[in-house]
Amino acid sequence: MTRIGVVGAGRVGAVLAAALRDAGHEIVAVAGESPASRTRIETLLPGVPVDKPTAVSRACDLLLLTVPDDMLENVVNMLSAAGAIRPGQYVVHTSGKHGVSSLAAAAEVGAEVLAMHPAMTFTGTDVDLARLPGCVYGVTATSRTRDLAVRLVDDLGGSAIWVPEERRALYHAGLAHGANHLVTLVAQAMDLLRASGADDPAGTLRPLLTAALDNVLTYGDAALTGPIVRGDVNTVRAHLADIAGTAPSTLESYVVMARATANRAVLDGRLLPIRAAKLVGVLNDALAEHRRATA
């Protein structure tokens, strides 16, 4: 059992703390000031004391920092300067972008540092607890914290991938591009379907998107289907015209993704370069016209 303190009771922090407590660790204190954070603490960590970050850090053997990426280094510097981090203490953060270099101030006072990012989207509710088993964690560790990382990931029911310090931003970009931009893409697709008269855009898309996601995760570019791969220029031209007239804010992302799809289809050998060039020309013309119209 490890005595854990948590600074940052956001969606990630409160859920991971609850999961670690379920695994037998003691959550000695948590810091969270916003009303949403207080609600998460009350719901997911009932009975855990709420305190200032410095007090939380002093009370624990393992400090879990689940603050926003841009705040992380400042929080570590502040806690270290205040004497709230001590030699031999473990300091772990869950940022995807940062490795252990962001914890340099803690390491300088003798703490052992670790980066452990869950590759998962969180709601900040107990729904997330059922999703954690099988989650992959992007880990950057020192030689002295590698074993700790394995133990914590095991306790959370996950698996670790080891990410070099210099590759953290690239690792995080892959996750953000896949997950965050997927949300935008699907929301735009739902808007188009709603405008076409669909009563249940989500229900219409769910089986299609579920199959597409499963296929691409299994087969990669071979999962590509649709008018771009087929080289259906007139169909794409019709898409562009209707999107420009109905949902112009979606046109640019459609064009960017369609061009990227055409390039991948050419590299995969499924779209002739001459056909791709014609498609890209139509896409570029539509985007140029859109920008002129909105300038």
C-alpha atoms as a PDB file:
ATOM      1  CA  MET A   1       0.000   0.000   0.000  1.00  0.00           C
ATOM      2  CA  THR A   2       1.255   3.487  -0.883  1.00  0.00           C
ATOM      3  CA  ARG A   3       0.148   6.757   0.714  1.00  0.00           C
ATOM      4  CA  ILE A   4      -0.942   8.851  -2.262  1.00  0.00           C
ATOM      5  CA  GLY A   5      -1.771  12.535  -2.455  1.00  0.00           C
ATOM      6  CA  VAL A   6      -3.467  14.046  -5.499  1.00  0.00           C
ATOM      7  CA  VAL A   7      -3.101  17.603  -6.751  1.00  0.00           C
ATOM      8  CA  GLY A   8      -5.734  18.283  -9.372  1.00  0.00           C
ATOM      9  CA  ALA A   9      -9.145  16.678  -8.973  1.00  0.00           C
ATOM     10  CA  GLY A  10     -10.089  16.977 -12.623  1.00  0.00           C
ATOM     11  CA  ARG A  11     -11.614  14.211 -14.687  1.00  0.00           C
ATOM     12  CA  VAL A  12      -8.390  12.200 -14.772  1.00  0.00           C
ATOM     13  CA  GLY A  13      -7.145  12.775 -11.244  1.00  0.00           C
ATOM     14  CA  ALA A  14     -10.311  11.880  -9.393  1.00  0.00           C
ATOM     15  CA  VAL A  15     -10.863   8.710 -11.432  1.00  0.00           C
ATOM     16  CA  LEU A  16      -7.278   7.445 -11.164  1.00  0.00           C
ATOM     17  CA  ALA A  17      -7.258   8.168  -7.444  1.00  0.00           C
ATOM     18  CA  ALA A  18     -10.492   6.214  -6.992  1.00  0.00           C
ATOM     19  CA  ALA A  19      -9.072   3.300  -8.991  1.00  0.00           C
ATOM     20  CA  LEU A  20      -5.841   3.297  -6.987  1.00  0.00           C
ATOM     21  CA  ARG A  21      -7.826   3.342  -3.752  1.00  0.00           C
ATOM     22  CA  ASP A  22      -9.860   0.383  -4.987  1.00  0.00           C
ATOM     23  CA  ALA A  23      -6.527  -1.367  -5.646  1.00  0.00           C
ATOM     24  CA  GLY A  24      -5.571  -0.974  -1.980  1.00  0.00           C
ATOM     25  CA  HIS A  25      -3.647   2.283  -1.859  1.00  0.00           C
ATOM     26  CA  GLU A  26      -4.475   5.011   0.654  1.00  0.00           C
ATOM     27  CA  ILE A  27      -5.498   8.377  -0.753  1.00  0.00           C
ATOM     28  CA  VAL A  28      -4.432  10.627   2.116  1.00  0.00           C
ATOM     29  CA  ALA A  29      -5.517  13.992   0.689  1.00  0.00           C
ATOM     30  CA  VAL A  30      -6.532  15.722  -2.508  1.00  0.00           C
ATOM     31  CA  ALA A  31      -6.397  19.309  -3.747  1.00  0.00           C
ATOM     32  CA  GLY A  32      -9.210  20.656  -5.893  1.00  0.00           C
ATOM     33  CA  GLU A  33     -10.838  24.068  -5.719  1.00  0.00           C
ATOM     34  CA  SER A  34     -13.499  24.337  -8.418  1.00  0.00           C
ATOM     35  CA  PRO A  35     -17.097  23.290  -7.740  1.00  0.00           C
ATOM     36  CA  ALA A  36     -16.739  20.519 -10.347  1.00  0.00           C
ATOM     37  CA  SER A  37     -13.613  19.222  -8.612  1.00  0.00           C
ATOM     38  CA  ARG A  38     -15.334  19.250  -5.225  1.00  0.00           C
ATOM     39  CA  THR A  39     -18.239  17.297  -6.683  1.00  0.00           C
ATOM     40  CA  ARG A  40     -15.887  14.696  -8.143  1.00  0.00           C
ATOM     41  CA  ILE A  41     -14.083  14.373  -4.813  1.00  0.00           C
ATOM     42  CA  GLU A  42     -17.336  13.891  -2.928  1.00  0.00           C
ATOM     43  CA  THR A  43     -18.600  11.360  -5.470  1.00  0.00           C
ATOM     44  CA  LEU A  44     -15.480   9.342  -6.270  1.00  0.00           C
ATOM     45  CA  LEU A  45     -13.365   9.893  -3.148  1.00  0.00           C
ATOM     46  CA  PRO A  46     -15.798  10.163  -0.243  1.00  0.00           C
ATOM     47  CA  GLY A  47     -14.079  10.782   3.076  1.00  0.00           C
ATOM     48  CA  VAL A  48     -10.760  11.897   1.567  1.00  0.00           C
ATOM     49  CA  PRO A  49      -9.583  15.209   3.088  1.00  0.00           C
ATOM     50  CA  VAL A  50      -9.393  18.222   0.797  1.00  0.00           C
ATOM     51  CA  ASP A  51      -6.408  20.484   1.397  1.00  0.00           C
ATOM     52  CA  LYS A  52      -4.007  22.941  -0.194  1.00  0.00           C
ATOM     53  CA  PRO A  53      -1.467  21.531  -2.686  1.00  0.00           C
ATOM     54  CA  THR A  54       1.458  22.066  -0.310  1.00  0.00           C
ATOM     55  CA  ALA A  55      -0.330  20.218   2.505  1.00  0.00           C
ATOM     56  CA  VAL A  56      -1.294  17.376   0.172  1.00  0.00           C
ATOM     57  CA  SER A  57       2.300  17.030  -0.996  1.00  0.00           C
ATOM     58  CA  ARG A  58       3.692  16.967   2.554  1.00  0.00           C
ATOM     59  CA  ALA A  59       1.197  14.311   3.640  1.00  0.00           C
ATOM     60  CA  CYS A  60       1.982  11.652   1.026  1.00  0.00           C
ATOM     61  CA  ASP A  61       4.713   9.300  -0.126  1.00  0.00           C
ATOM     62  CA  LEU A  62       3.557   9.432  -3.755  1.00  0.00           C
ATOM     63  CA  LEU A  63       2.367  12.742  -5.163  1.00  0.00           C
ATOM     64  CA  LEU A  64       0.087  12.371  -8.187  1.00  0.00           C
ATOM     65  CA  LEU A  65      -0.090  15.547 -10.266  1.00  0.00           C
ATOM     66  CA  THR A  66      -3.073  15.650 -12.604  1.00  0.00           C
ATOM     67  CA  VAL A  67      -3.053  19.330 -13.519  1.00  0.00           C
ATOM     68  CA  PRO A  68      -3.307  20.794 -17.062  1.00  0.00           C
ATOM     69  CA  ASP A  69      -0.190  20.453 -19.221  1.00  0.00           C
ATOM     70  CA  ASP A  70       0.648  24.158 -19.225  1.00  0.00           C
ATOM     71  CA  MET A  71       0.402  24.362 -15.431  1.00  0.00           C
ATOM     72  CA  LEU A  72       2.489  21.303 -14.602  1.00  0.00           C
ATOM     73  CA  GLU A  73       5.969  22.780 -14.456  1.00  0.00           C
ATOM     74  CA  ASN A  74       4.796  25.813 -12.477  1.00  0.00           C
ATOM     75  CA  VAL A  75       3.057  23.582  -9.929  1.00  0.00           C
ATOM     76  CA  VAL A  76       6.173  21.437  -9.506  1.00  0.00           C
ATOM     77  CA  ASN A  77       8.387  24.504  -9.154  1.00  0.00           C
ATOM     78  CA  MET A  78       6.058  26.025  -6.579  1.00  0.00           C
ATOM     79  CA  LEU A  79       5.821  22.863  -4.472  1.00  0.00           C
ATOM     80  CA  SER A  80       9.565  22.322  -4.617  1.00  0.00           C
ATOM     81  CA  ALA A  81      10.352  25.931  -3.695  1.00  0.00           C
ATOM     82  CA  ALA A  82       7.925  25.703  -0.766  1.00  0.00           C
ATOM     83  CA  GLY A  83       9.713  22.639   0.609  1.00  0.00           C
ATOM     84  CA  ALA A  84       6.613  20.493   0.092  1.00  0.00           C
ATOM     85  CA  ILE A  85       8.516  17.883  -1.951  1.00  0.00           C
ATOM     86  CA  ARG A  86      11.175  15.874  -0.142  1.00  0.00           C
ATOM     87  CA  PRO A  87      14.012  13.478  -0.982  1.00  0.00           C
ATOM     88  CA  GLY A  88      12.841   9.930  -1.684  1.00  0.00           C
ATOM     89  CA  GLN A  89       9.250  10.991  -2.371  1.00  0.00           C
ATOM     90  CA  TYR A  90       7.686   9.797  -5.621  1.00  0.00           C
ATOM     91  CA  VAL A  91       6.291  12.486  -7.908  1.00  0.00           C
ATOM     92  CA  VAL A  92       4.130  11.208 -10.792  1.00  0.00           C
ATOM     93  CA  HIS A  93       2.273  13.205 -13.408  1.00  0.00           C
ATOM     94  CA  THR A  94      -0.320  12.154 -15.985  1.00  0.00           C
ATOM     95  CA  SER A  95       0.374  14.654 -18.783  1.00  0.00           C
ATOM     96  CA  GLY A  96       0.599  13.187 -22.257  1.00  0.00           C
ATOM     97  CA  LYS A  97       2.857  15.889 -23.641  1.00  0.00           C
ATOM     98  CA  HIS A  98       5.451  16.005 -20.863  1.00  0.00           C
ATOM     99  CA  GLY A  99       8.049  13.485 -19.807  1.00  0.00           C
ATOM    100  CA  VAL A 100      10.123  13.593 -16.640  1.00  0.00           C
ATOM    101  CA  SER A 101      12.020  16.772 -17.564  1.00  0.00           C
ATOM    102  CA  SER A 102       9.007  18.813 -16.461  1.00  0.00           C
ATOM    103  CA  LEU A 103       9.580  17.406 -12.960  1.00  0.00           C
ATOM    104  CA  ALA A 104      13.190  18.646 -12.849  1.00  0.00           C
ATOM    105  CA  ALA A 105      12.600  20.848  -9.804  1.00  0.00           C
ATOM    106  CA  ALA A 106      11.308  17.839  -7.847  1.00  0.00           C
ATOM    107  CA  ALA A 107      14.232  15.689  -8.971  1.00  0.00           C
ATOM    108  CA  GLU A 108      16.670  18.395  -7.885  1.00  0.00           C
ATOM    109  CA  VAL A 109      15.443  18.128  -4.282  1.00  0.00           C
ATOM    110  CA  GLY A 110      15.818  14.340  -4.361  1.00  0.00           C
ATOM    111  CA  ALA A 111      12.356  13.129  -5.414  1.00  0.00           C
ATOM    112  CA  GLU A 112      11.928  10.174  -7.784  1.00  0.00           C
ATOM    113  CA  VAL A 113       9.997  11.194 -10.896  1.00  0.00           C
ATOM    114  CA  LEU A 114       7.701   9.435 -13.333  1.00  0.00           C
ATOM    115  CA  ALA A 115       5.389  10.340 -16.241  1.00  0.00           C
ATOM    116  CA  MET A 116       2.391   8.034 -16.672  1.00  0.00           C
ATOM    117  CA  HIS A 117      -0.312   9.101 -19.125  1.00  0.00           C
ATOM    118  CA  PRO A 118      -3.526   7.099 -19.614  1.00  0.00           C
ATOM    119  CA  ALA A 119      -4.448   6.833 -23.299  1.00  0.00           C
ATOM    120  CA  MET A 120      -8.119   7.229 -22.508  1.00  0.00           C
ATOM    121  CA  THR A 121     -10.798   9.901 -22.636  1.00  0.00           C
ATOM    122  CA  PHE A 122     -12.423  10.633 -19.286  1.00  0.00           C
ATOM    123  CA  THR A 123     -15.843  11.838 -18.158  1.00  0.00           C
ATOM    124  CA  GLY A 124     -14.790  12.287 -14.529  1.00  0.00           C
ATOM    125  CA  THR A 125     -17.480   9.901 -13.295  1.00  0.00           C
ATOM    126  CA  ASP A 126     -17.610   6.307 -12.098  1.00  0.00           C
ATOM    127  CA  VAL A 127     -18.322   5.312 -15.714  1.00  0.00           C
ATOM    128  CA  ASP A 128     -14.587   5.694 -16.301  1.00  0.00           C
ATOM    129  CA  LEU A 129     -13.684   3.115 -13.665  1.00  0.00           C
ATOM    130  CA  ALA A 130     -15.127   0.324 -15.814  1.00  0.00           C
ATOM    131  CA  ARG A 131     -13.145   1.581 -18.820  1.00  0.00           C
ATOM    132  CA  LEU A 132      -9.750   1.591 -17.117  1.00  0.00           C
ATOM    133  CA  PRO A 133      -9.015  -2.157 -17.291  1.00  0.00           C
ATOM    134  CA  GLY A 134      -7.023  -2.671 -20.460  1.00  0.00           C
ATOM    135  CA  CYS A 135      -6.088   1.003 -20.769  1.00  0.00           C
ATOM    136  CA  VAL A 136      -2.616   1.694 -22.152  1.00  0.00           C
ATOM    137  CA  TYR A 137      -0.347   4.111 -20.284  1.00  0.00           C
ATOM    138  CA  GLY A 138       2.400   6.070 -22.015  1.00  0.00           C
ATOM    139  CA  VAL A 139       5.251   5.889 -19.507  1.00  0.00           C
ATOM    140  CA  THR A 140       8.500   7.806 -19.284  1.00  0.00           C
ATOM    141  CA  ALA A 141      10.525   6.714 -16.296  1.00  0.00           C
ATOM    142  CA  THR A 142      13.973   6.856 -14.830  1.00  0.00           C
ATOM    143  CA  SER A 143      15.890   3.704 -14.005  1.00  0.00           C
ATOM    144  CA  ARG A 144      14.697   4.102 -10.405  1.00  0.00           C
ATOM    145  CA  THR A 145      10.998   4.560 -11.182  1.00  0.00           C
ATOM    146  CA  ARG A 146      10.509   1.950 -13.888  1.00  0.00           C
ATOM    147  CA  ASP A 147       9.448  -0.721 -11.390  1.00  0.00           C
ATOM    148  CA  LEU A 148       7.043   1.734  -9.749  1.00  0.00           C
ATOM    149  CA  ALA A 149       5.455   2.409 -13.124  1.00  0.00           C
ATOM    150  CA  VAL A 150       4.906  -1.299 -13.713  1.00  0.00           C
ATOM    151  CA  ARG A 151       3.301  -1.716 -10.288  1.00  0.00           C
ATOM    152  CA  LEU A 152       0.973   1.264 -10.677  1.00  0.00           C
ATOM    153  CA  VAL A 153      -0.108   0.288 -14.189  1.00  0.00           C
ATOM    154  CA  ASP A 154      -0.723  -3.278 -12.999  1.00  0.00           C
ATOM    155  CA  ASP A 155      -2.791  -1.985 -10.089  1.00  0.00           C
ATOM    156  CA  LEU A 156      -4.891  -0.005 -12.548  1.00  0.00           C
ATOM    157  CA  GLY A 157      -5.412  -3.085 -14.735  1.00  0.00           C
ATOM    158  CA  GLY A 158      -3.589  -1.530 -17.664  1.00  0.00           C
ATOM    159  CA  SER A 159      -0.484  -2.030 -19.756  1.00  0.00           C
ATOM    160  CA  ALA A 160       2.498   0.241 -20.339  1.00  0.00           C
ATOM    161  CA  ILE A 161       4.233   1.471 -23.441  1.00  0.00           C
ATOM    162  CA  TRP A 162       7.615   3.087 -22.889  1.00  0.00           C
ATOM    163  CA  VAL A 163       7.881   6.521 -24.508  1.00  0.00           C
ATOM    164  CA  PRO A 164      11.304   8.199 -24.768  1.00  0.00           C
ATOM    165  CA  GLU A 165      11.491  11.704 -23.321  1.00  0.00           C
ATOM    166  CA  GLU A 166      12.101  13.283 -26.728  1.00  0.00           C
ATOM    167  CA  ARG A 167       9.053  11.531 -28.239  1.00  0.00           C
ATOM    168  CA  ARG A 168       6.421  12.581 -25.706  1.00  0.00           C
ATOM    169  CA  ALA A 169       4.927  15.369 -27.838  1.00  0.00           C
ATOM    170  CA  LEU A 170       4.725  13.063 -30.872  1.00  0.00           C
ATOM    171  CA  TYR A 171       3.075  10.338 -28.782  1.00  0.00           C
ATOM    172  CA  HIS A 172       0.541  12.834 -27.459  1.00  0.00           C
ATOM    173  CA  ALA A 173      -0.087  14.301 -30.913  1.00  0.00           C
ATOM    174  CA  GLY A 174      -1.039  10.855 -32.185  1.00  0.00           C
ATOM    175  CA  LEU A 175      -3.586  10.430 -29.423  1.00  0.00           C
ATOM    176  CA  ALA A 176      -5.000  13.949 -29.713  1.00  0.00           C
ATOM    177  CA  HIS A 177      -5.241  13.782 -33.502  1.00  0.00           C
ATOM    178  CA  GLY A 178      -7.028  10.440 -33.311  1.00  0.00           C
ATOM    179  CA  ALA A 179      -9.382  11.127 -30.423  1.00  0.00           C
ATOM    180  CA  ASN A 180      -9.955  14.880 -30.162  1.00  0.00           C
ATOM    181  CA  HIS A 181     -10.207  15.501 -33.877  1.00  0.00           C
ATOM    182  CA  LEU A 182     -12.429  12.447 -34.232  1.00  0.00           C
ATOM    183  CA  VAL A 183     -14.950  14.165 -31.966  1.00  0.00           C
ATOM    184  CA  THR A 184     -14.933  17.255 -34.197  1.00  0.00           C
ATOM    185  CA  LEU A 185     -15.193  15.125 -37.334  1.00  0.00           C
ATOM    186  CA  VAL A 186     -18.137  13.110 -36.035  1.00  0.00           C
ATOM    187  CA  ALA A 187     -19.923  16.198 -34.709  1.00  0.00           C
ATOM    188  CA  GLN A 188     -19.627  17.803 -38.151  1.00  0.00           C
ATOM    189  CA  ALA A 189     -20.926  14.629 -39.803  1.00  0.00           C
ATOM    190  CA  MET A 190     -23.900  14.656 -37.440  1.00  0.00           C
ATOM    191  CA  ASP A 191     -24.610  18.287 -38.367  1.00  0.00           C
ATOM    192  CA  LEU A 192     -24.675  17.378 -42.067  1.00  0.00           C
ATOM    193  CA  LEU A 193     -27.003  14.440 -41.482  1.00  0.00           C
ATOM    194  CA  ARG A 194     -29.277  16.561 -39.314  1.00  0.00           C
ATOM    195  CA  ALA A 195     -29.435  19.173 -42.078  1.00  0.00           C
ATOM    196  CA  SER A 196     -30.299  16.414 -44.565  1.00  0.00           C
ATOM    197  CA  GLY A 197     -33.360  15.532 -42.488  1.00  0.00           C
ATOM    198  CA  ALA A 198     -32.090  12.612 -40.401  1.00  0.00           C
ATOM    199  CA  ASP A 199     -34.027  12.393 -37.132  1.00  0.00           C
ATOM    200  CA  ASP A 200     -31.302  10.425 -35.352  1.00  0.00           C
ATOM    201  CA  PRO A 201     -27.860  11.339 -36.729  1.00  0.00           C
ATOM    202  CA  ALA A 202     -26.074   9.457 -33.977  1.00  0.00           C
ATOM    203  CA  GLY A 203     -28.052   6.291 -34.598  1.00  0.00           C
ATOM    204  CA  THR A 204     -27.451   6.606 -38.322  1.00  0.00           C
ATOM    205  CA  LEU A 205     -23.693   6.956 -37.890  1.00  0.00           C
ATOM    206  CA  ARG A 206     -23.074   4.531 -35.044  1.00  0.00           C
ATOM    207  CA  PRO A 207     -22.965   1.226 -36.994  1.00  0.00           C
ATOM    208  CA  LEU A 208     -21.019   2.808 -39.865  1.00  0.00           C
ATOM    209  CA  LEU A 209     -18.440   4.488 -37.646  1.00  0.00           C
ATOM    210  CA  THR A 210     -18.092   1.475 -35.374  1.00  0.00           C
ATOM    211  CA  ALA A 211     -17.318  -0.726 -38.366  1.00  0.00           C
ATOM    212  CA  ALA A 212     -14.959   1.877 -39.878  1.00  0.00           C
ATOM    213  CA  LEU A 213     -13.041   2.259 -36.611  1.00  0.00           C
ATOM    214  CA  ASP A 214     -12.714  -1.494 -36.128  1.00  0.00           C
ATOM    215  CA  ASN A 215     -11.587  -1.922 -39.727  1.00  0.00           C
ATOM    216  CA  VAL A 216      -8.918   0.775 -39.699  1.00  0.00           C
ATOM    217  CA  LEU A 217      -7.519  -0.401 -36.364  1.00  0.00           C
ATOM    218  CA  THR A 218      -7.231  -3.885 -37.852  1.00  0.00           C
ATOM    219  CA  TYR A 219      -6.358  -3.251 -41.503  1.00  0.00           C
ATOM    220  CA  GLY A 220      -4.972   0.295 -41.671  1.00  0.00           C
ATOM    221  CA  ASP A 221      -5.306   2.052 -45.038  1.00  0.00           C
ATOM    222  CA  ALA A 222      -6.882  -1.054 -46.564  1.00  0.00           C
ATOM    223  CA  ALA A 223     -10.044  -0.078 -44.670  1.00  0.00           C
ATOM    224  CA  LEU A 224     -10.531   3.013 -46.838  1.00  0.00           C
ATOM    225  CA  THR A 225     -13.816   3.059 -48.764  1.00  0.00           C
ATOM    226  CA  GLY A 226     -15.976   5.716 -50.368  1.00  0.00           C
ATOM    227  CA  PRO A 227     -15.887   8.176 -53.253  1.00  0.00           C
ATOM    228  CA  ILE A 228     -12.292   9.347 -52.784  1.00  0.00           C
ATOM    229  CA  VAL A 229     -10.837   5.843 -53.063  1.00  0.00           C
ATOM    230  CA  ARG A 230     -13.120   5.110 -56.006  1.00  0.00           C
ATOM    231  CA  GLY A 231     -12.124   8.350 -57.718  1.00  0.00           C
ATOM    232  CA  ASP A 232     -15.750   9.524 -57.972  1.00  0.00           C
ATOM    233  CA  VAL A 233     -15.053  13.139 -58.904  1.00  0.00           C
ATOM    234  CA  ASN A 234     -18.663  14.102 -59.546  1.00  0.00           C
ATOM    235  CA  THR A 235     -19.800  12.735 -56.208  1.00  0.00           C
ATOM    236  CA  VAL A 236     -17.123  14.721 -54.398  1.00  0.00           C
ATOM    237  CA  ARG A 237     -18.064  17.825 -56.394  1.00  0.00           C
ATOM    238  CA  ALA A 238     -21.692  17.405 -55.274  1.00  0.00           C
ATOM    239  CA  HIS A 239     -20.582  16.990 -51.646  1.00  0.00           C
ATOM    240  CA  LEU A 240     -18.613  20.224 -51.840  1.00  0.00           C
ATOM    241  CA  ALA A 241     -21.485  22.187 -53.329  1.00  0.00           C
ATOM    242  CA  ASP A 242     -23.999  21.082 -50.711  1.00  0.00           C
ATOM    243  CA  ILE A 243     -21.591  21.525 -47.807  1.00  0.00           C
ATOM    244  CA  ALA A 244     -20.718  25.035 -48.999  1.00  0.00           C
ATOM    245  CA  GLY A 245     -24.402  25.925 -49.144  1.00  0.00           C
ATOM    246  CA  THR A 246     -25.523  24.236 -45.939  1.00  0.00           C
ATOM    247  CA  ALA A 247     -22.583  23.983 -43.527  1.00  0.00           C
ATOM    248  CA  PRO A 248     -19.767  26.182 -44.855  1.00  0.00           C
ATOM    249  CA  SER A 249     -17.801  25.931 -41.611  1.00  0.00           C
ATOM    250  CA  THR A 250     -17.323  22.222 -42.362  1.00  0.00           C
ATOM    251  CA  LEU A 251     -15.994  22.723 -45.888  1.00  0.00           C
ATOM    252  CA  GLU A 252     -12.366  23.314 -44.969  1.00  0.00           C
ATOM    253  CA  SER A 253     -12.069  20.208 -42.800  1.00  0.00           C
ATOM    254  CA  TYR A 254     -13.802  18.119 -45.494  1.00  0.00           C
ATOM    255  CA  VAL A 255     -11.293  19.328 -48.087  1.00  0.00           C
ATOM    256  CA  VAL A 256      -8.262  18.774 -45.850  1.00  0.00           C
ATOM    257  CA  MET A 257      -9.336  15.250 -44.911  1.00  0.00           C
ATOM    258  CA  ALA A 258     -10.342  14.401 -48.498  1.00  0.00           C
ATOM    259  CA  ARG A 259      -6.910  15.471 -49.791  1.00  0.00           C
ATOM    260  CA  ALA A 260      -5.189  13.412 -47.105  1.00  0.00           C
ATOM    261  CA  THR A 261      -7.398  10.435 -47.974  1.00  0.00           C
ATOM    262  CA  ALA A 262      -6.561  10.771 -51.672  1.00  0.00           C
ATOM    263  CA  ASN A 263      -2.835  10.846 -50.904  1.00  0.00           C
ATOM    264  CA  ARG A 264      -3.061   7.715 -48.760  1.00  0.00           C
ATOM    265  CA  ALA A 265      -5.160   5.944 -51.387  1.00  0.00           C
ATOM    266  CA  VAL A 266      -2.511   6.701 -54.032  1.00  0.00           C
ATOM    267  CA  LEU A 267       0.277   5.395 -51.786  1.00  0.00           C
ATOM    268  CA  ASP A 268      -1.837   2.298 -51.115  1.00  0.00           C
ATOM    269  CA  GLY A 269      -2.158   1.718 -54.852  1.00  0.00           C
ATOM    270  CA  ARG A 270      -5.947   1.959 -54.880  1.00  0.00           C
ATOM    271  CA  LEU A 271      -6.280   5.340 -56.598  1.00  0.00           C
ATOM    272  CA  LEU A 272      -4.497   6.230 -59.836  1.00  0.00           C
ATOM    273  CA  PRO A 273      -2.370   9.386 -59.521  1.00  0.00           C
ATOM    274  CA  ILE A 274      -4.086  10.985 -62.530  1.00  0.00           C
ATOM    275  CA  ARG A 275      -7.487  10.471 -60.900  1.00  0.00           C
ATOM    276  CA  ALA A 276      -6.188  11.756 -57.579  1.00  0.00           C
ATOM    277  CA  ALA A 277      -4.872  14.894 -59.281  1.00  0.00           C
ATOM    278  CA  LYS A 278      -8.319  15.613 -60.700  1.00  0.00           C
ATOM    279  CA  LEU A 279      -9.931  15.078 -57.304  1.00  0.00           C
ATOM    280  CA  VAL A 280      -7.435  17.322 -55.572  1.00  0.00           C
ATOM    281  CA  GLY A 281      -8.004  19.998 -58.194  1.00  0.00           C
ATOM    282  CA  VAL A 282     -11.742  19.966 -57.514  1.00  0.00           C
ATOM    283  CA  LEU A 283     -11.080  20.113 -53.767  1.00  0.00           C
ATOM    284  CA  ASN A 284      -8.627  22.992 -54.075  1.00  0.00           C
ATOM    285  CA  ASP A 285     -10.983  24.980 -56.322  1.00  0.00           C
ATOM    286  CA  ALA A 286     -13.839  24.568 -53.835  1.00  0.00           C
ATOM    287  CA  LEU A 287     -11.680  25.688 -50.938  1.00  0.00           C
ATOM    288  CA  ALA A 288     -10.359  28.704 -52.844  1.00  0.00           C
ATOM    289  CA  GLU A 289     -13.915  29.749 -53.737  1.00  0.00           C
ATOM    290  CA  HIS A 290     -14.993  29.328 -50.118  1.00  0.00           C
ATOM    291  CA  ARG A 291     -12.160  31.498 -48.878  1.00  0.00           C
ATOM    292  CA  ARG A 292     -12.941  34.191 -51.433  1.00  0.00           C
ATOM    293  CA  ALA A 293     -16.583  34.160 -50.373  1.00  0.00           C
ATOM    294  CA  THR A 294     -15.775  34.474 -46.697  1.00  0.00           C
ATOM    295  CA  ALA A 295     -12.878  36.947 -46.970  1.00  0.00           C
END
